[in-house]
């Protein structure tokens, strides 16, 4: 169990990639803190993990709300005595072309996908700095690396996450904190499942592996980066995309 007795907070973990990551971490021995804006879905995820025989607690948390973030982190440290890892997974899309994008569409995506990572990362880093250890894992995207039609806001946020990841790695390494990012490709989630079948087929064809990814593929990457096996890895962006960007 590569994450035995580690304490991990995972944002946006009531469904999709975040939920798969929470389950994977629990299976690998971590005590998982499930956080999301929908408390009913949070409780369902916690129940699922506990029914598997693992340990999890849940909180309602909005990554744009520093009061809620501080509460979750303080409650985690009070309960478990430490914080080994935070996975900054929470994110949304609100797609439109540049000429049609409303200011609200820009603001919402930037506030959650970029500022939300900053909020949670800063709060977690304060605890980890005092401990002298920890891992911060951030959700980027291949869209952040290469752009995508109709996703100015999303691409900007995910590119910004890469910049923060590398900056934090340089700042926090001397404090024993590793900071890395994962850049998923086209992953089958509740978000992508709403897309037309022809769009999904086009995504498959773009990848040399001729397949879409699953949330578990991203969860596996996070689990590795959170583990001691990745003790000498920091400041990296791990693309998990089936080779779509080759």
Protein backbone atom coordinates (compact mmCIF):
# COMPACT_ATOMS: atom_id res chain seq x y z
CA UNK A 1 0.00 0.00 0.00
CA UNK A 2 2.00 2.93 -1.32
CA UNK A 3 0.05 5.59 0.61
CA UNK A 4 -0.28 3.77 3.93
CA UNK A 5 -1.23 6.16 6.76
CA UNK A 6 -0.90 9.26 4.59
CA UNK A 7 -3.50 12.00 5.03
CA UNK A 8 -4.84 13.43 1.78
CA UNK A 9 -7.32 16.20 0.98
CA UNK A 10 -8.85 15.92 -2.50
CA UNK A 11 -10.90 18.82 -3.82
CA UNK A 12 -13.80 18.27 -6.20
CA UNK A 13 -13.84 14.63 -5.15
CA UNK A 14 -17.56 13.88 -5.08
CA UNK A 15 -17.53 12.59 -8.67
CA UNK A 16 -15.45 12.09 -11.78
CA UNK A 17 -11.66 12.20 -11.58
CA UNK A 18 -11.74 13.50 -8.02
CA UNK A 19 -13.90 10.64 -6.80
CA UNK A 20 -11.73 8.07 -8.58
CA UNK A 21 -8.69 9.65 -6.93
CA UNK A 22 -10.30 9.52 -3.49
CA UNK A 23 -11.10 5.83 -3.95
CA UNK A 24 -7.60 5.04 -5.27
CA UNK A 25 -5.89 6.85 -2.40
CA UNK A 26 -8.06 4.98 0.11
CA UNK A 27 -7.23 1.66 -1.54
CA UNK A 28 -3.56 2.55 -1.28
CA UNK A 29 -3.86 3.10 2.47
CA UNK A 30 -4.48 6.83 2.77
CA UNK A 31 -7.03 8.43 5.03
CA UNK A 32 -9.00 10.55 2.60
CA UNK A 33 -10.70 13.91 3.09
CA UNK A 34 -13.41 14.26 0.44
CA UNK A 35 -14.32 17.87 -0.42
CA UNK A 36 -16.84 19.28 -2.87
CA UNK A 37 -19.58 21.91 -3.12
CA UNK A 38 -22.36 19.29 -3.14
CA UNK A 39 -22.49 17.82 0.36
CA UNK A 40 -24.94 15.08 -0.63
CA UNK A 41 -22.53 13.76 -3.26
CA UNK A 42 -19.67 14.14 -0.77
CA UNK A 43 -21.51 11.95 1.72
CA UNK A 44 -22.25 9.36 -0.97
CA UNK A 45 -18.56 9.15 -1.87
CA UNK A 46 -17.53 8.85 1.78
CA UNK A 47 -20.10 6.08 2.27
CA UNK A 48 -18.78 4.19 -0.76
CA UNK A 49 -15.21 4.37 0.53
CA UNK A 50 -16.21 3.30 4.02
CA UNK A 51 -18.28 0.42 2.63
CA UNK A 52 -15.10 -0.81 0.95
CA UNK A 53 -13.49 -0.97 4.37
CA UNK A 54 -11.39 2.19 4.11
CA UNK A 55 -11.37 5.48 6.03
CA UNK A 56 -12.72 8.78 4.75
CA UNK A 57 -14.31 11.98 6.03
CA UNK A 58 -16.23 14.56 4.05
CA UNK A 59 -16.71 18.31 4.00
CA UNK A 60 -18.62 20.81 1.93
CA UNK A 61 -15.95 23.07 0.50
CA UNK A 62 -15.94 25.74 -2.19
CA UNK A 63 -12.39 26.36 -3.42
CA UNK A 64 -13.20 30.06 -3.86
CA UNK A 65 -14.10 30.37 -0.17
CA UNK A 66 -11.03 30.77 2.05
CA UNK A 67 -13.06 30.39 5.24
CA UNK A 68 -14.27 26.94 4.16
CA UNK A 69 -10.78 25.94 2.98
CA UNK A 70 -9.17 26.98 6.26
CA UNK A 71 -11.84 25.09 8.19
CA UNK A 72 -11.26 21.86 6.25
CA UNK A 73 -7.49 22.02 6.61
CA UNK A 74 -7.67 22.88 10.32
CA UNK A 75 -10.18 20.07 10.95
CA UNK A 76 -7.99 17.62 9.05
CA UNK A 77 -4.87 18.48 11.03
CA UNK A 78 -6.83 18.43 14.30
CA UNK A 79 -8.19 14.96 13.53
CA UNK A 80 -5.08 13.34 12.06
CA UNK A 81 -2.20 15.50 13.29
CA UNK A 82 -0.74 16.17 9.83
CA UNK A 83 -1.43 16.74 6.14
CA UNK A 84 0.64 14.70 3.69
CA UNK A 85 -1.00 15.63 0.42
CA UNK A 86 -3.55 17.87 -1.23
CA UNK A 87 -4.87 17.16 -4.72
CA UNK A 88 -6.23 20.37 -6.24
CA UNK A 89 -8.66 18.70 -8.59
CA UNK A 90 -11.78 20.91 -8.44
CA UNK A 91 -12.64 22.55 -11.74
CA UNK A 92 -15.36 23.52 -14.19
CA UNK A 93 -15.76 24.35 -17.86
CA UNK A 94 -17.77 27.15 -19.42
CA UNK A 95 -16.81 27.03 -23.08
CA UNK A 96 -17.23 29.65 -25.74
CA UNK A 97 -15.21 31.22 -28.53
CA UNK A 98 -13.31 34.38 -27.73
CA UNK A 99 -15.75 36.68 -29.53
CA UNK A 100 -18.75 35.15 -27.75
CA UNK A 101 -17.32 34.57 -24.29
CA UNK A 102 -19.06 36.55 -21.56
CA UNK A 103 -17.11 38.12 -18.73
CA UNK A 104 -18.94 35.89 -16.27
CA UNK A 105 -17.81 32.77 -18.17
CA UNK A 106 -14.21 33.98 -17.94
CA UNK A 107 -14.45 34.93 -14.27
CA UNK A 108 -16.08 31.69 -13.06
CA UNK A 109 -13.53 29.41 -14.71
CA UNK A 110 -10.54 31.50 -13.61
CA UNK A 111 -11.85 31.82 -10.05
CA UNK A 112 -12.39 28.08 -9.61
CA UNK A 113 -9.75 26.50 -11.84
CA UNK A 114 -6.89 28.93 -11.16
CA UNK A 115 -7.57 30.99 -8.06
CA UNK A 116 -9.08 27.93 -6.38
CA UNK A 117 -5.78 26.07 -6.83
CA UNK A 118 -3.92 29.09 -5.44
CA UNK A 119 -6.27 29.30 -2.44
CA UNK A 120 -5.96 25.63 -1.50
CA UNK A 121 -2.29 25.39 -2.34
CA UNK A 122 -1.38 28.38 -0.20
CA UNK A 123 -3.41 27.11 2.77
CA UNK A 124 -1.95 23.60 2.52
CA UNK A 125 1.60 24.90 2.06
CA UNK A 126 1.37 26.81 5.34
CA UNK A 127 0.70 23.56 7.22
CA UNK A 128 3.25 21.54 5.24
CA UNK A 129 5.95 24.16 5.78
CA UNK A 130 5.56 23.82 9.53
CA UNK A 131 5.70 20.03 9.24
CA UNK A 132 8.69 19.99 6.92
CA UNK A 133 7.05 17.63 4.40
CA UNK A 134 4.12 17.31 2.01
CA UNK A 135 3.01 16.95 -1.59
CA UNK A 136 0.85 19.38 -3.54
CA UNK A 137 -0.68 17.97 -6.72
CA UNK A 138 -2.43 20.27 -9.18
CA UNK A 139 -4.85 19.51 -12.00
CA UNK A 140 -3.73 21.00 -15.28
CA UNK A 141 -4.76 19.72 -18.73
CA UNK A 142 -3.42 19.12 -22.21
CA UNK A 143 -5.59 22.13 -23.05
CA UNK A 144 -3.33 24.17 -20.77
CA UNK A 145 -0.30 22.95 -22.72
CA UNK A 146 -1.62 23.27 -26.26
CA UNK A 147 -4.84 25.31 -26.18
CA UNK A 148 -8.20 24.27 -27.57
CA UNK A 149 -10.90 25.80 -29.70
CA UNK A 150 -13.57 27.52 -27.61
CA UNK A 151 -11.68 27.23 -24.32
CA UNK A 152 -9.84 30.51 -23.83
CA UNK A 153 -10.78 30.63 -20.14
CA UNK A 154 -10.02 26.96 -19.43
CA UNK A 155 -6.71 27.01 -21.32
CA UNK A 156 -5.61 30.18 -19.53
CA UNK A 157 -6.44 28.70 -16.13
CA UNK A 158 -4.74 25.37 -16.80
CA UNK A 159 -1.63 27.07 -18.22
CA UNK A 160 -1.59 29.26 -15.12
CA UNK A 161 -1.70 26.14 -12.93
CA UNK A 162 1.49 24.93 -14.62
CA UNK A 163 3.19 28.24 -13.88
CA UNK A 164 2.14 28.07 -10.24
CA UNK A 165 3.27 24.44 -9.97
CA UNK A 166 6.77 25.21 -11.18
CA UNK A 167 7.04 28.37 -9.07
CA UNK A 168 5.87 26.57 -5.92
CA UNK A 169 8.28 23.70 -6.55
CA UNK A 170 11.16 26.19 -6.54
CA UNK A 171 9.89 28.01 -3.45
CA UNK A 172 8.81 25.07 -1.32
CA UNK A 173 11.41 22.42 -2.08
CA UNK A 174 13.70 23.65 0.70
CA UNK A 175 10.79 23.10 3.10
CA UNK A 176 10.44 19.45 2.10
CA UNK A 177 7.37 20.00 -0.10
CA UNK A 178 7.07 18.51 -3.57
CA UNK A 179 4.74 20.17 -6.10
CA UNK A 180 3.65 18.52 -9.34
CA UNK A 181 0.85 18.72 -11.87
CA UNK A 182 -1.04 16.18 -13.95
CA UNK A 183 -2.29 17.10 -17.42
CA UNK A 184 -5.14 14.77 -18.41
CA UNK A 185 -6.12 14.25 -22.00
CA UNK A 186 -9.66 13.33 -23.07
CA UNK A 187 -11.14 11.47 -20.11
CA UNK A 188 -14.56 9.84 -19.84
CA UNK A 189 -16.24 11.78 -17.02
CA UNK A 190 -19.81 12.99 -16.40
CA UNK A 191 -18.69 16.17 -18.18
CA UNK A 192 -17.47 14.50 -21.38
CA UNK A 193 -20.21 11.87 -21.45
CA UNK A 194 -22.65 14.64 -22.41
CA UNK A 195 -20.74 15.26 -25.63
CA UNK A 196 -22.08 13.94 -28.96
CA UNK A 197 -20.82 10.49 -29.91
CA UNK A 198 -19.10 11.83 -33.04
CA UNK A 199 -17.06 14.23 -30.91
CA UNK A 200 -16.00 11.39 -28.60
CA UNK A 201 -14.98 9.31 -31.62
CA UNK A 202 -12.94 12.24 -32.95
CA UNK A 203 -11.16 12.47 -29.60
CA UNK A 204 -10.34 8.76 -29.74
CA UNK A 205 -8.92 9.08 -33.24
CA UNK A 206 -6.56 11.87 -32.15
CA UNK A 207 -4.81 9.57 -29.68
CA UNK A 208 -2.24 7.01 -30.88
CA UNK A 209 -3.75 4.56 -28.38
CA UNK A 210 -7.15 5.11 -30.07
CA UNK A 211 -8.92 5.33 -26.74
CA UNK A 212 -10.31 7.80 -24.27
CA UNK A 213 -8.93 7.73 -20.76
CA UNK A 214 -10.79 6.80 -17.61
CA UNK A 215 -10.80 8.69 -14.30
CA UNK A 216 -8.82 5.81 -12.80
CA UNK A 217 -5.95 6.54 -15.22
CA UNK A 218 -5.57 10.00 -13.71
CA UNK A 219 -6.08 8.69 -10.17
CA UNK A 220 -3.18 6.27 -10.72
CA UNK A 221 -0.92 9.16 -11.73
CA UNK A 222 -1.86 11.17 -8.65
CA UNK A 223 -1.29 8.15 -6.41
CA UNK A 224 2.21 7.70 -7.78
CA UNK A 225 3.11 11.36 -7.41
CA UNK A 226 1.75 11.40 -3.85
CA UNK A 227 3.79 8.35 -2.87
CA UNK A 228 7.34 8.07 -1.58
CA UNK A 229 8.21 6.44 -4.90
CA UNK A 230 8.10 9.97 -6.36
CA UNK A 231 10.30 11.45 -3.61
CA UNK A 232 12.74 12.94 -6.17
CA UNK A 233 10.09 14.34 -8.53
CA UNK A 234 9.00 17.96 -8.24
CA UNK A 235 8.04 20.75 -10.62
CA UNK A 236 6.96 18.34 -13.33
CA UNK A 237 3.83 18.16 -15.47
CA UNK A 238 2.81 14.56 -16.11
CA UNK A 239 0.71 14.22 -19.26
CA UNK A 240 -1.76 11.34 -19.09
CA UNK A 241 -3.35 11.58 -22.51
CA UNK A 242 -2.88 8.41 -24.55
CA UNK A 243 -0.27 10.21 -26.64
CA UNK A 244 -2.76 12.66 -28.12
CA UNK A 245 -0.25 15.52 -28.13
CA UNK A 246 2.54 13.64 -29.95
